[in-house]
Amino acid sequence: MWNTFEDDRRYCDACERYVSYLLSPQDAYCARCGADVRLFSDEDRRRFQASLRRPLGPEDLLGGVDRRDSA
């Protein structure tokens, strides 16, 4: 599934929320206040990084279905 321009959001520290943004070749700016935006809030970044460190099980790799016994 692809994001559309209207649905895509980044985090603005100044607004303290996810906002629409304007993208230039070097940076991205909040469409509401003009401040720099980033992909994640601090809390969401920590959660995302923790999920990358979590060991994957068969349910993660096979979409929630353990197919080892279905032969």
PDB file of N, CA and C in Angstrom:
ATOM      1  N   MET A   1       0.851  -1.176   0.000  1.00  0.00           N
ATOM      2  CA  MET A   1       0.000   0.000   0.000  1.00  0.00           C
ATOM      3  C   MET A   1       0.897   1.240   0.000  1.00  0.00           C
ATOM      4  N   TRP A   2       0.590   2.179  -0.843  1.00  0.00           N
ATOM      5  CA  TRP A   2       1.374   3.402  -0.975  1.00  0.00           C
ATOM      6  C   TRP A   2       0.693   4.551  -0.260  1.00  0.00           C
ATOM      7  N   ASN A   3       1.501   5.409   0.365  1.00  0.00           N
ATOM      8  CA  ASN A   3       0.970   6.632   0.959  1.00  0.00           C
ATOM      9  C   ASN A   3       0.675   7.640  -0.131  1.00  0.00           C
ATOM     10  N   THR A   4      -0.381   8.383   0.076  1.00  0.00           N
ATOM     11  CA  THR A   4      -0.658   9.486  -0.820  1.00  0.00           C
ATOM     12  C   THR A   4      -0.129  10.761  -0.183  1.00  0.00           C
ATOM     13  N   PHE A   5       0.001  11.796  -0.967  1.00  0.00           N
ATOM     14  CA  PHE A   5       0.483  13.071  -0.440  1.00  0.00           C
ATOM     15  C   PHE A   5      -0.382  13.543   0.726  1.00  0.00           C
ATOM     16  N   GLU A   6      -1.693  13.385   0.613  1.00  0.00           N
ATOM     17  CA  GLU A   6      -2.607  13.860   1.649  1.00  0.00           C
ATOM     18  C   GLU A   6      -2.494  13.063   2.941  1.00  0.00           C
ATOM     19  N   ASP A   7      -2.101  11.799   2.857  1.00  0.00           N
ATOM     20  CA  ASP A   7      -2.043  10.927   4.038  1.00  0.00           C
ATOM     21  C   ASP A   7      -0.680  10.881   4.699  1.00  0.00           C
ATOM     22  N   ASP A   8       0.373  11.249   3.987  1.00  0.00           N
ATOM     23  CA  ASP A   8       1.732  11.134   4.512  1.00  0.00           C
ATOM     24  C   ASP A   8       1.978  12.183   5.591  1.00  0.00           C
ATOM     25  N   ARG A   9       2.559  11.769   6.719  1.00  0.00           N
ATOM     26  CA  ARG A   9       2.806  12.667   7.841  1.00  0.00           C
ATOM     27  C   ARG A   9       4.215  12.435   8.383  1.00  0.00           C
ATOM     28  N   ARG A  10       4.771  13.483   8.961  1.00  0.00           N
ATOM     29  CA  ARG A  10       6.028  13.413   9.706  1.00  0.00           C
ATOM     30  C   ARG A  10       5.832  14.157  11.013  1.00  0.00           C
ATOM     31  N   TYR A  11       6.772  13.941  11.956  1.00  0.00           N
ATOM     32  CA  TYR A  11       6.617  14.522  13.286  1.00  0.00           C
ATOM     33  C   TYR A  11       7.269  15.900  13.355  1.00  0.00           C
ATOM     34  N   CYS A  12       6.522  16.868  13.882  1.00  0.00           N
ATOM     35  CA  CYS A  12       7.023  18.229  14.079  1.00  0.00           C
ATOM     36  C   CYS A  12       7.191  18.456  15.576  1.00  0.00           C
ATOM     37  N   ASP A  13       8.423  18.727  16.008  1.00  0.00           N
ATOM     38  CA  ASP A  13       8.674  18.999  17.429  1.00  0.00           C
ATOM     39  C   ASP A  13       7.974  20.277  17.888  1.00  0.00           C
ATOM     40  N   ALA A  14       7.924  21.281  17.024  1.00  0.00           N
ATOM     41  CA  ALA A  14       7.305  22.556  17.404  1.00  0.00           C
ATOM     42  C   ALA A  14       5.801  22.394  17.639  1.00  0.00           C
ATOM     43  N   CYS A  15       5.137  21.634  16.784  1.00  0.00           N
ATOM     44  CA  CYS A  15       3.687  21.415  16.918  1.00  0.00           C
ATOM     45  C   CYS A  15       3.364  20.252  17.854  1.00  0.00           C
ATOM     46  N   GLU A  16       4.370  19.408  18.155  1.00  0.00           N
ATOM     47  CA  GLU A  16       4.228  18.223  18.997  1.00  0.00           C
ATOM     48  C   GLU A  16       3.155  17.272  18.482  1.00  0.00           C
ATOM     49  N   ARG A  17       3.189  17.046  17.157  1.00  0.00           N
ATOM     50  CA  ARG A  17       2.233  16.131  16.537  1.00  0.00           C
ATOM     51  C   ARG A  17       2.723  15.765  15.140  1.00  0.00           C
ATOM     52  N   TYR A  18       2.087  14.744  14.564  1.00  0.00           N
ATOM     53  CA  TYR A  18       2.362  14.387  13.179  1.00  0.00           C
ATOM     54  C   TYR A  18       1.583  15.343  12.275  1.00  0.00           C
ATOM     55  N   VAL A  19       2.268  15.868  11.263  1.00  0.00           N
ATOM     56  CA  VAL A  19       1.694  16.909  10.416  1.00  0.00           C
ATOM     57  C   VAL A  19       1.998  16.635   8.942  1.00  0.00           C
ATOM     58  N   SER A  20       1.273  17.308   8.077  1.00  0.00           N
ATOM     59  CA  SER A  20       1.634  17.341   6.663  1.00  0.00           C
ATOM     60  C   SER A  20       2.940  18.129   6.547  1.00  0.00           C
ATOM     61  N   TYR A  21       3.700  17.845   5.516  1.00  0.00           N
ATOM     62  CA  TYR A  21       4.995  18.507   5.402  1.00  0.00           C
ATOM     63  C   TYR A  21       5.314  18.837   3.951  1.00  0.00           C
ATOM     64  N   LEU A  22       6.241  19.761   3.802  1.00  0.00           N
ATOM     65  CA  LEU A  22       6.753  20.147   2.496  1.00  0.00           C
ATOM     66  C   LEU A  22       8.161  19.595   2.371  1.00  0.00           C
ATOM     67  N   LEU A  23       8.439  18.952   1.271  1.00  0.00           N
ATOM     68  CA  LEU A  23       9.724  18.280   1.084  1.00  0.00           C
ATOM     69  C   LEU A  23      10.555  19.034   0.061  1.00  0.00           C
ATOM     70  N   SER A  24      11.794  19.353   0.453  1.00  0.00           N
ATOM     71  CA  SER A  24      12.748  19.933  -0.484  1.00  0.00           C
ATOM     72  C   SER A  24      13.818  18.870  -0.742  1.00  0.00           C
ATOM     73  N   PRO A  25      14.722  19.083  -1.681  1.00  0.00           N
ATOM     74  CA  PRO A  25      15.757  18.074  -1.915  1.00  0.00           C
ATOM     75  C   PRO A  25      16.629  17.777  -0.687  1.00  0.00           C
ATOM     76  N   GLN A  26      16.785  18.733   0.226  1.00  0.00           N
ATOM     77  CA  GLN A  26      17.645  18.515   1.389  1.00  0.00           C
ATOM     78  C   GLN A  26      16.881  18.301   2.703  1.00  0.00           C
ATOM     79  N   ASP A  27      15.718  18.895   2.854  1.00  0.00           N
ATOM     80  CA  ASP A  27      15.024  18.890   4.138  1.00  0.00           C
ATOM     81  C   ASP A  27      13.522  18.717   3.957  1.00  0.00           C
ATOM     82  N   ALA A  28      12.832  18.583   5.098  1.00  0.00           N
ATOM     83  CA  ALA A  28      11.371  18.545   5.117  1.00  0.00           C
ATOM     84  C   ALA A  28      10.904  19.521   6.187  1.00  0.00           C
ATOM     85  N   TYR A  29       9.833  20.249   5.879  1.00  0.00           N
ATOM     86  CA  TYR A  29       9.348  21.306   6.764  1.00  0.00           C
ATOM     87  C   TYR A  29       7.863  21.122   7.058  1.00  0.00           C
ATOM     88  N   CYS A  30       7.467  21.490   8.255  1.00  0.00           N
ATOM     89  CA  CYS A  30       6.076  21.433   8.676  1.00  0.00           C
ATOM     90  C   CYS A  30       5.236  22.384   7.824  1.00  0.00           C
ATOM     91  N   ALA A  31       4.124  21.889   7.313  1.00  0.00           N
ATOM     92  CA  ALA A  31       3.238  22.729   6.516  1.00  0.00           C
ATOM     93  C   ALA A  31       2.455  23.705   7.386  1.00  0.00           C
ATOM     94  N   ARG A  32       2.411  23.467   8.696  1.00  0.00           N
ATOM     95  CA  ARG A  32       1.672  24.359   9.597  1.00  0.00           C
ATOM     96  C   ARG A  32       2.528  25.515  10.095  1.00  0.00           C
ATOM     97  N   CYS A  33       3.763  25.199  10.564  1.00  0.00           N
ATOM     98  CA  CYS A  33       4.564  26.241  11.208  1.00  0.00           C
ATOM     99  C   CYS A  33       5.909  26.498  10.534  1.00  0.00           C
ATOM    100  N   GLY A  34       6.332  25.634   9.622  1.00  0.00           N
ATOM    101  CA  GLY A  34       7.591  25.832   8.904  1.00  0.00           C
ATOM    102  C   GLY A  34       8.813  25.235   9.576  1.00  0.00           C
ATOM    103  N   ALA A  35       8.656  24.628  10.748  1.00  0.00           N
ATOM    104  CA  ALA A  35       9.791  24.016  11.450  1.00  0.00           C
ATOM    105  C   ALA A  35      10.230  22.733  10.743  1.00  0.00           C
ATOM    106  N   ASP A  36      11.468  22.297  11.017  1.00  0.00           N
ATOM    107  CA  ASP A  36      11.938  21.017  10.491  1.00  0.00           C
ATOM    108  C   ASP A  36      11.073  19.894  11.046  1.00  0.00           C
ATOM    109  N   VAL A  37      10.837  18.866  10.228  1.00  0.00           N
ATOM    110  CA  VAL A  37      10.109  17.684  10.677  1.00  0.00           C
ATOM    111  C   VAL A  37      11.009  16.475  10.553  1.00  0.00           C
ATOM    112  N   ARG A  38      10.644  15.420  11.243  1.00  0.00           N
ATOM    113  CA  ARG A  38      11.394  14.165  11.155  1.00  0.00           C
ATOM    114  C   ARG A  38      10.412  13.016  11.019  1.00  0.00           C
ATOM    115  N   LEU A  39      10.916  11.861  10.683  1.00  0.00           N
ATOM    116  CA  LEU A  39      10.048  10.731  10.387  1.00  0.00           C
ATOM    117  C   LEU A  39       9.249  10.276  11.605  1.00  0.00           C
ATOM    118  N   PHE A  40       9.905  10.156  12.773  1.00  0.00           N
ATOM    119  CA  PHE A  40       9.247   9.628  13.973  1.00  0.00           C
ATOM    120  C   PHE A  40       9.359  10.588  15.144  1.00  0.00           C
ATOM    121  N   SER A  41       8.402  10.497  16.064  1.00  0.00           N
ATOM    122  CA  SER A  41       8.558  11.130  17.369  1.00  0.00           C
ATOM    123  C   SER A  41       9.585  10.307  18.151  1.00  0.00           C
ATOM    124  N   ASP A  42      10.091  10.826  19.270  1.00  0.00           N
ATOM    125  CA  ASP A  42      11.077  10.080  20.069  1.00  0.00           C
ATOM    126  C   ASP A  42      10.504   8.749  20.544  1.00  0.00           C
ATOM    127  N   GLU A  43       9.270   8.767  21.034  1.00  0.00           N
ATOM    128  CA  GLU A  43       8.639   7.544  21.541  1.00  0.00           C
ATOM    129  C   GLU A  43       8.442   6.518  20.425  1.00  0.00           C
ATOM    130  N   ASP A  44       7.951   6.936  19.270  1.00  0.00           N
ATOM    131  CA  ASP A  44       7.756   6.014  18.156  1.00  0.00           C
ATOM    132  C   ASP A  44       9.082   5.474  17.636  1.00  0.00           C
ATOM    133  N   ARG A  45      10.129   6.298  17.642  1.00  0.00           N
ATOM    134  CA  ARG A  45      11.459   5.835  17.217  1.00  0.00           C
ATOM    135  C   ARG A  45      11.978   4.752  18.151  1.00  0.00           C
ATOM    136  N   ARG A  46      11.815   4.963  19.462  1.00  0.00           N
ATOM    137  CA  ARG A  46      12.246   3.942  20.431  1.00  0.00           C
ATOM    138  C   ARG A  46      11.482   2.632  20.236  1.00  0.00           C
ATOM    139  N   ARG A  47      10.175   2.728  20.028  1.00  0.00           N
ATOM    140  CA  ARG A  47       9.365   1.530  19.803  1.00  0.00           C
ATOM    141  C   ARG A  47       9.781   0.810  18.529  1.00  0.00           C
ATOM    142  N   PHE A  48      10.024   1.567  17.475  1.00  0.00           N
ATOM    143  CA  PHE A  48      10.432   0.975  16.213  1.00  0.00           C
ATOM    144  C   PHE A  48      11.780   0.267  16.355  1.00  0.00           C
ATOM    145  N   GLN A  49      12.744   0.927  17.000  1.00  0.00           N
ATOM    146  CA  GLN A  49      14.057   0.312  17.191  1.00  0.00           C
ATOM    147  C   GLN A  49      13.961  -0.934  18.063  1.00  0.00           C
ATOM    148  N   ALA A  50      13.126  -0.920  19.086  1.00  0.00           N
ATOM    149  CA  ALA A  50      12.942  -2.099  19.936  1.00  0.00           C
ATOM    150  C   ALA A  50      12.335  -3.245  19.126  1.00  0.00           C
ATOM    151  N   SER A  51      11.413  -2.940  18.214  1.00  0.00           N
ATOM    152  CA  SER A  51      10.806  -3.994  17.403  1.00  0.00           C
ATOM    153  C   SER A  51      11.821  -4.619  16.458  1.00  0.00           C
ATOM    154  N   LEU A  52      12.832  -3.851  16.044  1.00  0.00           N
ATOM    155  CA  LEU A  52      13.871  -4.405  15.180  1.00  0.00           C
ATOM    156  C   LEU A  52      14.797  -5.349  15.938  1.00  0.00           C
ATOM    157  N   ARG A  53      14.955  -5.136  17.226  1.00  0.00           N
ATOM    158  CA  ARG A  53      15.828  -5.979  18.040  1.00  0.00           C
ATOM    159  C   ARG A  53      15.127  -7.232  18.537  1.00  0.00           C
ATOM    160  N   ARG A  54      13.792  -7.263  18.471  1.00  0.00           N
ATOM    161  CA  ARG A  54      13.031  -8.414  18.954  1.00  0.00           C
ATOM    162  C   ARG A  54      13.242  -9.595  18.012  1.00  0.00           C
ATOM    163  N   PRO A  55      13.522 -10.791  18.554  1.00  0.00           N
ATOM    164  CA  PRO A  55      13.680 -11.960  17.686  1.00  0.00           C
ATOM    165  C   PRO A  55      12.362 -12.267  16.963  1.00  0.00           C
ATOM    166  N   LEU A  56      12.459 -12.621  15.703  1.00  0.00           N
ATOM    167  CA  LEU A  56      11.279 -12.955  14.930  1.00  0.00           C
ATOM    168  C   LEU A  56      10.935 -14.426  15.101  1.00  0.00           C
ATOM    169  N   GLY A  57       9.656 -14.700  15.194  1.00  0.00           N
ATOM    170  CA  GLY A  57       9.168 -16.067  15.239  1.00  0.00           C
ATOM    171  C   GLY A  57       8.463 -16.405  13.942  1.00  0.00           C
ATOM    172  N   PRO A  58       7.987 -17.650  13.812  1.00  0.00           N
ATOM    173  CA  PRO A  58       7.321 -18.052  12.569  1.00  0.00           C
ATOM    174  C   PRO A  58       6.081 -17.218  12.271  1.00  0.00           C
ATOM    175  N   GLU A  59       5.383 -16.757  13.309  1.00  0.00           N
ATOM    176  CA  GLU A  59       4.190 -15.943  13.072  1.00  0.00           C
ATOM    177  C   GLU A  59       4.535 -14.603  12.441  1.00  0.00           C
ATOM    178  N   ASP A  60       5.729 -14.076  12.705  1.00  0.00           N
ATOM    179  CA  ASP A  60       6.163 -12.826  12.081  1.00  0.00           C
ATOM    180  C   ASP A  60       6.546 -13.042  10.621  1.00  0.00           C
ATOM    181  N   LEU A  61       7.168 -14.162  10.341  1.00  0.00           N
ATOM    182  CA  LEU A  61       7.674 -14.421   9.002  1.00  0.00           C
ATOM    183  C   LEU A  61       6.599 -14.920   8.047  1.00  0.00           C
ATOM    184  N   LEU A  62       5.561 -15.555   8.584  1.00  0.00           N
ATOM    185  CA  LEU A  62       4.549 -16.172   7.730  1.00  0.00           C
ATOM    186  C   LEU A  62       3.179 -15.515   7.867  1.00  0.00           C
ATOM    187  N   GLY A  63       3.132 -14.309   8.319  1.00  0.00           N
ATOM    188  CA  GLY A  63       1.876 -13.587   8.388  1.00  0.00           C
ATOM    189  C   GLY A  63       0.935 -14.098   9.447  1.00  0.00           C
ATOM    190  N   GLY A  64       1.451 -14.626  10.562  1.00  0.00           N
ATOM    191  CA  GLY A  64       0.596 -15.081  11.652  1.00  0.00           C
ATOM    192  C   GLY A  64       0.185 -16.532  11.561  1.00  0.00           C
ATOM    193  N   VAL A  65       0.625 -17.244  10.515  1.00  0.00           N
ATOM    194  CA  VAL A  65       0.249 -18.646  10.331  1.00  0.00           C
ATOM    195  C   VAL A  65       1.484 -19.505  10.484  1.00  0.00           C
ATOM    196  N   ASP A  66       1.441 -20.459  11.400  1.00  0.00           N
ATOM    197  CA  ASP A  66       2.548 -21.387  11.563  1.00  0.00           C
ATOM    198  C   ASP A  66       2.304 -22.556  10.632  1.00  0.00           C
ATOM    199  N   ARG A  67       3.078 -22.630   9.545  1.00  0.00           N
ATOM    200  CA  ARG A  67       2.856 -23.640   8.506  1.00  0.00           C
ATOM    201  C   ARG A  67       3.747 -24.874   8.693  1.00  0.00           C
ATOM    202  N   ARG A  68       4.424 -24.977   9.803  1.00  0.00           N
ATOM    203  CA  ARG A  68       5.316 -26.130   9.998  1.00  0.00           C
ATOM    204  C   ARG A  68       4.544 -27.436  10.067  1.00  0.00           C
ATOM    205  N   ASP A  69       3.314 -27.426  10.607  1.00  0.00           N
ATOM    206  CA  ASP A  69       2.544 -28.659  10.782  1.00  0.00           C
ATOM    207  C   ASP A  69       1.550 -28.894   9.657  1.00  0.00           C
ATOM    208  N   SER A  70       1.540 -28.067   8.631  1.00  0.00           N
ATOM    209  CA  SER A  70       0.501 -28.199   7.599  1.00  0.00           C
ATOM    210  C   SER A  70       0.964 -28.968   6.365  1.00  0.00           C
ATOM    211  N   ALA A  71       2.001 -29.797   6.483  1.00  0.00           N
ATOM    212  CA  ALA A  71       2.534 -30.520   5.318  1.00  0.00           C
ATOM    213  C   ALA A  71       1.706 -31.705   4.952  1.00  0.00           C
TER     214      ALA A  71
END
